[in-house]
PDB file of N, CA and C in Angstrom:
ATOM      1  N   MET A   1     147.672 112.437 111.928  1.00  0.00           N
ATOM      2  CA  MET A   1     148.064 113.608 111.719  1.00  0.00           C
ATOM      3  C   MET A   1     149.374 112.644 111.113  1.00  0.00           C
ATOM      4  N   THR A   2     149.520 113.736 109.698  1.00  0.00           N
ATOM      5  CA  THR A   2     150.928 113.204 108.804  1.00  0.00           C
ATOM      6  C   THR A   2     151.854 113.616 109.978  1.00  0.00           C
ATOM      7  N   PHE A   3     153.472 112.786 109.469  1.00  0.00           N
ATOM      8  CA  PHE A   3     155.145 113.081 109.843  1.00  0.00           C
ATOM      9  C   PHE A   3     154.276 114.751 109.797  1.00  0.00           C
ATOM     10  N   THR A   4     154.484 114.990 108.784  1.00  0.00           N
ATOM     11  CA  THR A   4     154.148 116.464 108.558  1.00  0.00           C
ATOM     12  C   THR A   4     154.265 117.734 109.034  1.00  0.00           C
ATOM     13  N   ASP A   5     153.067 117.667 108.992  1.00  0.00           N
ATOM     14  CA  ASP A   5     152.463 117.938 109.646  1.00  0.00           C
ATOM     15  C   ASP A   5     152.210 118.576 111.200  1.00  0.00           C
ATOM     16  N   LEU A   6     152.567 116.842 112.080  1.00  0.00           N
ATOM     17  CA  LEU A   6     153.628 116.497 113.332  1.00  0.00           C
ATOM     18  C   LEU A   6     154.362 117.541 113.197  1.00  0.00           C
ATOM     19  N   LEU A   7     155.683 117.524 112.724  1.00  0.00           N
ATOM     20  CA  LEU A   7     156.812 118.182 111.762  1.00  0.00           C
ATOM     21  C   LEU A   7     156.473 119.485 112.378  1.00  0.00           C
ATOM     22  N   LEU A   8     156.033 120.165 111.984  1.00  0.00           N
ATOM     23  CA  LEU A   8     155.228 121.442 110.885  1.00  0.00           C
ATOM     24  C   LEU A   8     155.045 122.505 112.874  1.00  0.00           C
ATOM     25  N   SER A   9     154.294 121.224 113.150  1.00  0.00           N
ATOM     26  CA  SER A   9     153.832 122.218 114.781  1.00  0.00           C
ATOM     27  C   SER A   9     154.840 122.042 115.228  1.00  0.00           C
ATOM     28  N   GLN A  10     155.221 120.813 115.759  1.00  0.00           N
ATOM     29  CA  GLN A  10     156.880 121.133 116.482  1.00  0.00           C
ATOM     30  C   GLN A  10     157.234 121.822 115.987  1.00  0.00           C
ATOM     31  N   LEU A  11     158.098 121.968 115.493  1.00  0.00           N
ATOM     32  CA  LEU A  11     159.205 123.128 115.058  1.00  0.00           C
ATOM     33  C   LEU A  11     158.215 124.493 114.948  1.00  0.00           C
ATOM     34  N   THR A  12     156.562 124.523 115.271  1.00  0.00           N
ATOM     35  CA  THR A  12     156.445 125.885 115.096  1.00  0.00           C
ATOM     36  C   THR A  12     155.895 126.172 116.919  1.00  0.00           C
ATOM     37  N   ASP A  13     156.374 125.671 117.537  1.00  0.00           N
ATOM     38  CA  ASP A  13     156.325 125.425 119.234  1.00  0.00           C
ATOM     39  C   ASP A  13     156.744 126.303 119.874  1.00  0.00           C
ATOM     40  N   VAL A  14     156.196 127.867 120.318  1.00  0.00           N
ATOM     41  CA  VAL A  14     157.043 129.111 120.984  1.00  0.00           C
ATOM     42  C   VAL A  14     157.308 128.189 122.530  1.00  0.00           C
ATOM     43  N   PHE A  15     157.162 126.571 123.024  1.00  0.00           N
ATOM     44  CA  PHE A  15     157.093 126.795 124.576  1.00  0.00           C
ATOM     45  C   PHE A  15     158.559 126.142 124.143  1.00  0.00           C
ATOM     46  N   ARG A  16     158.324 124.702 122.771  1.00  0.00           N
ATOM     47  CA  ARG A  16     160.481 124.493 122.979  1.00  0.00           C
ATOM     48  C   ARG A  16     160.629 125.239 122.668  1.00  0.00           C
ATOM     49  N   ILE A  17     160.882 126.140 121.237  1.00  0.00           N
ATOM     50  CA  ILE A  17     161.987 127.048 120.982  1.00  0.00           C
ATOM     51  C   ILE A  17     162.292 127.894 121.991  1.00  0.00           C
ATOM     52  N   GLY A  18     161.525 127.936 122.936  1.00  0.00           N
ATOM     53  CA  GLY A  18     161.582 128.842 124.629  1.00  0.00           C
ATOM     54  C   GLY A  18     162.816 127.971 125.924  1.00  0.00           C
ATOM     55  N   LEU A  19     162.003 127.002 125.516  1.00  0.00           N
ATOM     56  CA  LEU A  19     162.934 125.730 126.322  1.00  0.00           C
ATOM     57  C   LEU A  19     164.276 125.575 125.635  1.00  0.00           C
ATOM     58  N   LEU A  20     164.125 125.310 124.294  1.00  0.00           N
ATOM     59  CA  LEU A  20     165.799 124.906 123.829  1.00  0.00           C
ATOM     60  C   LEU A  20     166.446 126.143 123.772  1.00  0.00           C
ATOM     61  N   ILE A  21     165.997 127.529 123.760  1.00  0.00           N
ATOM     62  CA  ILE A  21     166.805 129.030 123.935  1.00  0.00           C
ATOM     63  C   ILE A  21     167.814 128.834 125.567  1.00  0.00           C
ATOM     64  N   ALA A  22     166.826 128.542 126.112  1.00  0.00           N
ATOM     65  CA  ALA A  22     167.033 128.463 127.756  1.00  0.00           C
ATOM     66  C   ALA A  22     168.137 126.655 127.973  1.00  0.00           C
ATOM     67  N   LEU A  23     168.298 126.283 126.962  1.00  0.00           N
ATOM     68  CA  LEU A  23     169.151 125.217 126.804  1.00  0.00           C
ATOM     69  C   LEU A  23     169.774 125.270 126.141  1.00  0.00           C
ATOM     70  N   LEU A  24     170.301 126.521 125.497  1.00  0.00           N
ATOM     71  CA  LEU A  24     171.815 127.054 125.012  1.00  0.00           C
ATOM     72  C   LEU A  24     172.283 127.697 126.252  1.00  0.00           C
ATOM     73  N   LEU A  25     171.048 128.987 126.163  1.00  0.00           N
ATOM     74  CA  LEU A  25     172.034 129.709 126.965  1.00  0.00           C
ATOM     75  C   LEU A  25     172.411 129.276 128.235  1.00  0.00           C
ATOM     76  N   THR A  26     172.044 127.946 128.985  1.00  0.00           N
ATOM     77  CA  THR A  26     172.566 127.423 130.396  1.00  0.00           C
ATOM     78  C   THR A  26     173.935 126.653 129.778  1.00  0.00           C
ATOM     79  N   MET A  27     173.856 125.878 128.230  1.00  0.00           N
ATOM     80  CA  MET A  27     174.810 125.360 128.420  1.00  0.00           C
ATOM     81  C   MET A  27     176.353 126.577 128.167  1.00  0.00           C
ATOM     82  N   LEU A  28     175.978 127.353 127.664  1.00  0.00           N
ATOM     83  CA  LEU A  28     177.364 128.742 127.338  1.00  0.00           C
ATOM     84  C   LEU A  28     177.757 129.079 128.847  1.00  0.00           C
ATOM     85  N   ARG A  29     177.054 129.256 129.711  1.00  0.00           N
ATOM     86  CA  ARG A  29     177.293 129.330 130.483  1.00  0.00           C
ATOM     87  C   ARG A  29     177.971 128.330 131.860  1.00  0.00           C
ATOM     88  N   THR A  30     177.455 126.817 131.500  1.00  0.00           N
ATOM     89  CA  THR A  30     178.307 126.191 132.569  1.00  0.00           C
ATOM     90  C   THR A  30     178.983 124.990 131.501  1.00  0.00           C
ATOM     91  N   ARG A  31     179.514 125.359 130.100  1.00  0.00           N
ATOM     92  CA  ARG A  31     180.658 124.972 129.888  1.00  0.00           C
ATOM     93  C   ARG A  31     181.667 124.401 130.354  1.00  0.00           C
ATOM     94  N   ALA A  32     182.243 125.354 130.734  1.00  0.00           N
ATOM     95  CA  ALA A  32     183.688 124.743 131.325  1.00  0.00           C
ATOM     96  C   ALA A  32     183.181 123.679 131.828  1.00  0.00           C
ATOM     97  N   THR A  33     182.615 124.009 132.503  1.00  0.00           N
ATOM     98  CA  THR A  33     182.573 122.613 133.662  1.00  0.00           C
ATOM     99  C   THR A  33     181.779 121.388 133.254  1.00  0.00           C
ATOM    100  N   SER A  34     181.111 121.659 132.839  1.00  0.00           N
ATOM    101  CA  SER A  34     180.006 120.878 132.283  1.00  0.00           C
ATOM    102  C   SER A  34     180.132 120.119 130.693  1.00  0.00           C
ATOM    103  N   GLY A  35     180.810 119.933 129.665  1.00  0.00           N
ATOM    104  CA  GLY A  35     181.169 120.630 129.092  1.00  0.00           C
ATOM    105  C   GLY A  35     179.729 120.417 128.156  1.00  0.00           C
ATOM    106  N   THR A  36     179.779 120.243 126.588  1.00  0.00           N
ATOM    107  CA  THR A  36     178.694 120.968 125.662  1.00  0.00           C
ATOM    108  C   THR A  36     178.091 119.513 125.622  1.00  0.00           C
ATOM    109  N   ALA A  37     178.875 118.614 124.733  1.00  0.00           N
ATOM    110  CA  ALA A  37     177.732 117.252 124.026  1.00  0.00           C
ATOM    111  C   ALA A  37     176.713 117.087 125.101  1.00  0.00           C
ATOM    112  N   ILE A  38     177.965 116.527 125.840  1.00  0.00           N
ATOM    113  CA  ILE A  38     176.036 115.443 126.768  1.00  0.00           C
ATOM    114  C   ILE A  38     175.096 116.750 127.458  1.00  0.00           C
ATOM    115  N   PRO A  39     175.343 118.170 128.018  1.00  0.00           N
ATOM    116  CA  PRO A  39     174.045 118.619 128.092  1.00  0.00           C
ATOM    117  C   PRO A  39     173.030 118.902 127.047  1.00  0.00           C
ATOM    118  N   LEU A  40     174.186 118.793 126.268  1.00  0.00           N
ATOM    119  CA  LEU A  40     172.867 119.379 124.705  1.00  0.00           C
ATOM    120  C   LEU A  40     171.754 118.151 124.619  1.00  0.00           C
ATOM    121  N   ALA A  41     172.769 117.127 124.279  1.00  0.00           N
ATOM    122  CA  ALA A  41     171.823 115.952 123.646  1.00  0.00           C
ATOM    123  C   ALA A  41     170.941 115.214 125.376  1.00  0.00           C
ATOM    124  N   ALA A  42     171.176 115.465 126.093  1.00  0.00           N
ATOM    125  CA  ALA A  42     170.557 115.114 127.763  1.00  0.00           C
ATOM    126  C   ALA A  42     168.966 116.298 127.275  1.00  0.00           C
ATOM    127  N   GLY A  43     169.045 117.747 127.205  1.00  0.00           N
ATOM    128  CA  GLY A  43     168.336 118.297 126.465  1.00  0.00           C
ATOM    129  C   GLY A  43     167.806 118.070 126.297  1.00  0.00           C
ATOM    130  N   VAL A  44     168.155 118.015 124.605  1.00  0.00           N
ATOM    131  CA  VAL A  44     167.218 118.517 123.819  1.00  0.00           C
ATOM    132  C   VAL A  44     165.729 116.386 124.120  1.00  0.00           C
ATOM    133  N   ILE A  45     166.804 115.447 124.434  1.00  0.00           N
ATOM    134  CA  ILE A  45     166.199 114.162 124.917  1.00  0.00           C
ATOM    135  C   ILE A  45     164.753 114.699 125.714  1.00  0.00           C
ATOM    136  N   PHE A  46     165.439 115.281 127.070  1.00  0.00           N
ATOM    137  CA  PHE A  46     164.304 115.853 127.897  1.00  0.00           C
ATOM    138  C   PHE A  46     163.357 116.860 127.079  1.00  0.00           C
ATOM    139  N   VAL A  47     163.252 117.921 126.369  1.00  0.00           N
ATOM    140  CA  VAL A  47     162.209 118.634 125.595  1.00  0.00           C
ATOM    141  C   VAL A  47     161.467 117.883 124.951  1.00  0.00           C
ATOM    142  N   ALA A  48     162.582 116.793 123.886  1.00  0.00           N
ATOM    143  CA  ALA A  48     162.152 115.932 123.422  1.00  0.00           C
ATOM    144  C   ALA A  48     160.623 115.277 123.904  1.00  0.00           C
ATOM    145  N   ALA A  49     160.513 114.752 125.384  1.00  0.00           N
ATOM    146  CA  ALA A  49     160.125 113.472 125.720  1.00  0.00           C
ATOM    147  C   ALA A  49     159.470 114.497 126.727  1.00  0.00           C
ATOM    148  N   ILE A  50     159.763 115.352 127.680  1.00  0.00           N
ATOM    149  CA  ILE A  50     158.878 115.928 128.739  1.00  0.00           C
ATOM    150  C   ILE A  50     157.052 116.836 127.691  1.00  0.00           C
ATOM    151  N   ILE A  51     157.168 117.782 126.966  1.00  0.00           N
ATOM    152  CA  ILE A  51     155.880 118.455 126.385  1.00  0.00           C
ATOM    153  C   ILE A  51     155.145 117.056 125.602  1.00  0.00           C
ATOM    154  N   PRO A  52     155.393 116.159 124.775  1.00  0.00           N
ATOM    155  CA  PRO A  52     154.003 115.356 125.316  1.00  0.00           C
ATOM    156  C   PRO A  52     153.828 114.668 125.629  1.00  0.00           C
ATOM    157  N   MET A  53     154.736 113.888 127.030  1.00  0.00           N
ATOM    158  CA  MET A  53     153.996 112.974 127.909  1.00  0.00           C
ATOM    159  C   MET A  53     153.156 114.813 129.330  1.00  0.00           C
ATOM    160  N   THR A  54     153.502 115.774 129.225  1.00  0.00           N
ATOM    161  CA  THR A  54     152.869 116.616 130.077  1.00  0.00           C
ATOM    162  C   THR A  54     151.060 116.422 129.123  1.00  0.00           C
ATOM    163  N   GLN A  55     151.001 116.917 127.806  1.00  0.00           N
ATOM    164  CA  GLN A  55     149.881 117.345 126.505  1.00  0.00           C
ATOM    165  C   GLN A  55     149.521 115.885 126.977  1.00  0.00           C
ATOM    166  N   GLY A  56     147.876 116.306 126.269  1.00  0.00           N
ATOM    167  CA  GLY A  56     147.057 115.777 125.686  1.00  0.00           C
ATOM    168  C   GLY A  56     147.655 115.165 124.138  1.00  0.00           C
ATOM    169  N   ALA A  57     147.807 114.006 124.156  1.00  0.00           N
ATOM    170  CA  ALA A  57     148.547 114.103 122.726  1.00  0.00           C
ATOM    171  C   ALA A  57     148.129 113.045 121.656  1.00  0.00           C
ATOM    172  N   THR A  58     147.678 113.367 120.964  1.00  0.00           N
ATOM    173  CA  THR A  58     146.323 112.785 119.727  1.00  0.00           C
ATOM    174  C   THR A  58     147.323 111.376 119.263  1.00  0.00           C
ATOM    175  N   GLU A  59     148.793 111.951 118.836  1.00  0.00           N
ATOM    176  CA  GLU A  59     149.419 110.557 118.052  1.00  0.00           C
ATOM    177  C   GLU A  59     149.802 109.884 119.345  1.00  0.00           C
ATOM    178  N   PRO A  60     150.887 108.549 118.815  1.00  0.00           N
ATOM    179  CA  PRO A  60     151.170 107.914 120.087  1.00  0.00           C
ATOM    180  C   PRO A  60     152.812 108.241 120.591  1.00  0.00           C
ATOM    181  N   LEU A  61     152.280 108.103 121.801  1.00  0.00           N
ATOM    182  CA  LEU A  61     153.343 108.682 122.168  1.00  0.00           C
ATOM    183  C   LEU A  61     155.021 108.730 121.721  1.00  0.00           C
ATOM    184  N   TRP A  62     155.689 107.270 121.536  1.00  0.00           N
ATOM    185  CA  TRP A  62     156.464 107.365 120.714  1.00  0.00           C
ATOM    186  C   TRP A  62     156.780 107.904 119.236  1.00  0.00           C
ATOM    187  N   ARG A  63     155.716 108.558 118.556  1.00  0.00           N
ATOM    188  CA  ARG A  63     156.304 108.946 116.828  1.00  0.00           C
ATOM    189  C   ARG A  63     155.988 110.404 117.898  1.00  0.00           C
ATOM    190  N   SER A  64     155.646 110.632 119.275  1.00  0.00           N
ATOM    191  CA  SER A  64     155.836 112.154 118.870  1.00  0.00           C
ATOM    192  C   SER A  64     156.899 112.848 119.812  1.00  0.00           C
ATOM    193  N   ILE A  65     157.400 111.527 120.705  1.00  0.00           N
ATOM    194  CA  ILE A  65     158.629 112.206 121.025  1.00  0.00           C
ATOM    195  C   ILE A  65     159.679 111.594 119.837  1.00  0.00           C
ATOM    196  N   ALA A  66     160.195 110.657 119.222  1.00  0.00           N
ATOM    197  CA  ALA A  66     160.621 110.199 117.643  1.00  0.00           C
ATOM    198  C   ALA A  66     160.742 111.920 116.893  1.00  0.00           C
ATOM    199  N   THR A  67     159.118 112.237 116.520  1.00  0.00           N
ATOM    200  CA  THR A  67     159.621 113.455 116.227  1.00  0.00           C
ATOM    201  C   THR A  67     159.820 115.046 116.538  1.00  0.00           C
ATOM    202  N   GLY A  68     159.657 115.220 117.747  1.00  0.00           N
ATOM    203  CA  GLY A  68     160.357 115.557 118.874  1.00  0.00           C
ATOM    204  C   GLY A  68     161.350 115.693 119.143  1.00  0.00           C
ATOM    205  N   LEU A  69     161.802 114.653 118.891  1.00  0.00           N
ATOM    206  CA  LEU A  69     163.829 114.440 118.996  1.00  0.00           C
ATOM    207  C   LEU A  69     164.395 115.159 117.746  1.00  0.00           C
ATOM    208  N   LEU A  70     163.779 115.290 116.562  1.00  0.00           N
ATOM    209  CA  LEU A  70     163.787 115.425 114.950  1.00  0.00           C
ATOM    210  C   LEU A  70     163.994 116.842 115.104  1.00  0.00           C
ATOM    211  N   ALA A  71     163.218 117.878 115.309  1.00  0.00           N
ATOM    212  CA  ALA A  71     162.615 119.092 115.979  1.00  0.00           C
ATOM    213  C   ALA A  71     163.747 119.847 116.532  1.00  0.00           C
ATOM    214  N   ASN A  72     164.038 119.310 117.780  1.00  0.00           N
ATOM    215  CA  ASN A  72     164.300 119.627 118.257  1.00  0.00           C
ATOM    216  C   ASN A  72     165.881 119.936 117.585  1.00  0.00           C
ATOM    217  N   VAL A  73     166.575 118.795 117.174  1.00  0.00           N
ATOM    218  CA  VAL A  73     167.821 118.911 116.681  1.00  0.00           C
ATOM    219  C   VAL A  73     167.774 119.929 115.861  1.00  0.00           C
ATOM    220  N   MET A  74     167.066 120.537 114.892  1.00  0.00           N
ATOM    221  CA  MET A  74     166.473 121.099 113.912  1.00  0.00           C
ATOM    222  C   MET A  74     166.705 122.229 114.459  1.00  0.00           C
ATOM    223  N   ILE A  75     166.017 122.872 115.250  1.00  0.00           N
ATOM    224  CA  ILE A  75     165.656 123.935 115.822  1.00  0.00           C
ATOM    225  C   ILE A  75     167.461 124.703 116.621  1.00  0.00           C
ATOM    226  N   LEU A  76     167.373 123.548 117.722  1.00  0.00           N
ATOM    227  CA  LEU A  76     168.800 124.249 118.239  1.00  0.00           C
ATOM    228  C   LEU A  76     169.999 124.352 116.661  1.00  0.00           C
ATOM    229  N   ALA A  77     169.823 123.211 116.006  1.00  0.00           N
ATOM    230  CA  ALA A  77     171.328 123.503 115.373  1.00  0.00           C
ATOM    231  C   ALA A  77     171.104 125.330 114.183  1.00  0.00           C
ATOM    232  N   VAL A  78     169.766 125.581 114.319  1.00  0.00           N
ATOM    233  CA  VAL A  78     169.328 126.981 113.928  1.00  0.00           C
ATOM    234  C   VAL A  78     170.611 127.909 115.055  1.00  0.00           C
ATOM    235  N   LEU A  79     170.013 128.079 115.953  1.00  0.00           N
ATOM    236  CA  LEU A  79     170.374 128.386 117.200  1.00  0.00           C
ATOM    237  C   LEU A  79     171.520 128.391 117.228  1.00  0.00           C
ATOM    238  N   MET A  80     172.257 126.865 117.130  1.00  0.00           N
ATOM    239  CA  MET A  80     173.884 127.629 117.346  1.00  0.00           C
ATOM    240  C   MET A  80     174.573 128.035 116.199  1.00  0.00           C
ATOM    241  N   ALA A  81     173.755 127.826 114.889  1.00  0.00           N
ATOM    242  CA  ALA A  81     174.659 128.870 113.846  1.00  0.00           C
ATOM    243  C   ALA A  81     174.561 129.881 113.974  1.00  0.00           C
ATOM    244  N   ALA A  82     173.293 130.629 114.518  1.00  0.00           N
ATOM    245  CA  ALA A  82     172.600 132.326 115.162  1.00  0.00           C
ATOM    246  C   ALA A  82     173.946 132.653 116.037  1.00  0.00           C
ATOM    247  N   TRP A  83     174.301 131.322 117.354  1.00  0.00           N
ATOM    248  CA  TRP A  83     175.547 131.923 117.853  1.00  0.00           C
ATOM    249  C   TRP A  83     176.766 132.269 117.509  1.00  0.00           C
ATOM    250  N   ALA A  84     177.066 131.462 116.756  1.00  0.00           N
ATOM    251  CA  ALA A  84     178.351 130.605 115.745  1.00  0.00           C
ATOM    252  C   ALA A  84     178.652 132.553 114.804  1.00  0.00           C
ATOM    253  N   LEU A  85     177.317 132.596 114.214  1.00  0.00           N
ATOM    254  CA  LEU A  85     177.125 134.515 113.606  1.00  0.00           C
ATOM    255  C   LEU A  85     177.369 135.066 114.281  1.00  0.00           C
ATOM    256  N   TYR A  86     176.140 135.137 115.608  1.00  0.00           N
ATOM    257  CA  TYR A  86     177.019 136.453 116.520  1.00  0.00           C
ATOM    258  C   TYR A  86     178.435 136.818 116.670  1.00  0.00           C
ATOM    259  N   ARG A  87     179.190 135.604 116.912  1.00  0.00           N
ATOM    260  CA  ARG A  87     180.087 134.957 118.082  1.00  0.00           C
ATOM    261  C   ARG A  87     181.565 135.849 116.836  1.00  0.00           C
ATOM    262  N   ARG A  88     180.798 135.304 115.152  1.00  0.00           N
ATOM    263  CA  ARG A  88     181.386 135.836 114.594  1.00  0.00           C
ATOM    264  C   ARG A  88     181.959 137.565 113.743  1.00  0.00           C
ATOM    265  N   VAL A  89     180.383 137.918 113.472  1.00  0.00           N
ATOM    266  CA  VAL A  89     180.758 139.152 113.697  1.00  0.00           C
ATOM    267  C   VAL A  89     180.570 140.426 114.146  1.00  0.00           C
ATOM    268  N   ARG A  90     180.556 139.837 115.908  1.00  0.00           N
ATOM    269  CA  ARG A  90     180.632 140.804 117.215  1.00  0.00           C
ATOM    270  C   ARG A  90     182.769 141.157 116.763  1.00  0.00           C
ATOM    271  N   PRO A  91     182.300 142.675 117.786  1.00  0.00           N
ATOM    272  CA  PRO A  91     184.003 142.915 117.438  1.00  0.00           C
ATOM    273  C   PRO A  91     184.563 142.723 118.735  1.00  0.00           C
TER     274      PRO A  91
END
């Protein structure tokens, strides 16, 4: 599987997107006590590592995790932009 195929399959993984939405919502609720950057970074790394470790992957583990990190950051950036847009538009 090429890098592009692996990245696209991870970007469209519904389970990954759901975990990242839950991560963002949890961070928004607890940011007064735990901050923003460290919980998001830890969550992105956790999601990137846990999915390939629990599924039977055909790719090497390091490659799946590295691509997962990139996919998670991209998805989280879109989610955070959508949240910022929602906050700006909301009266």
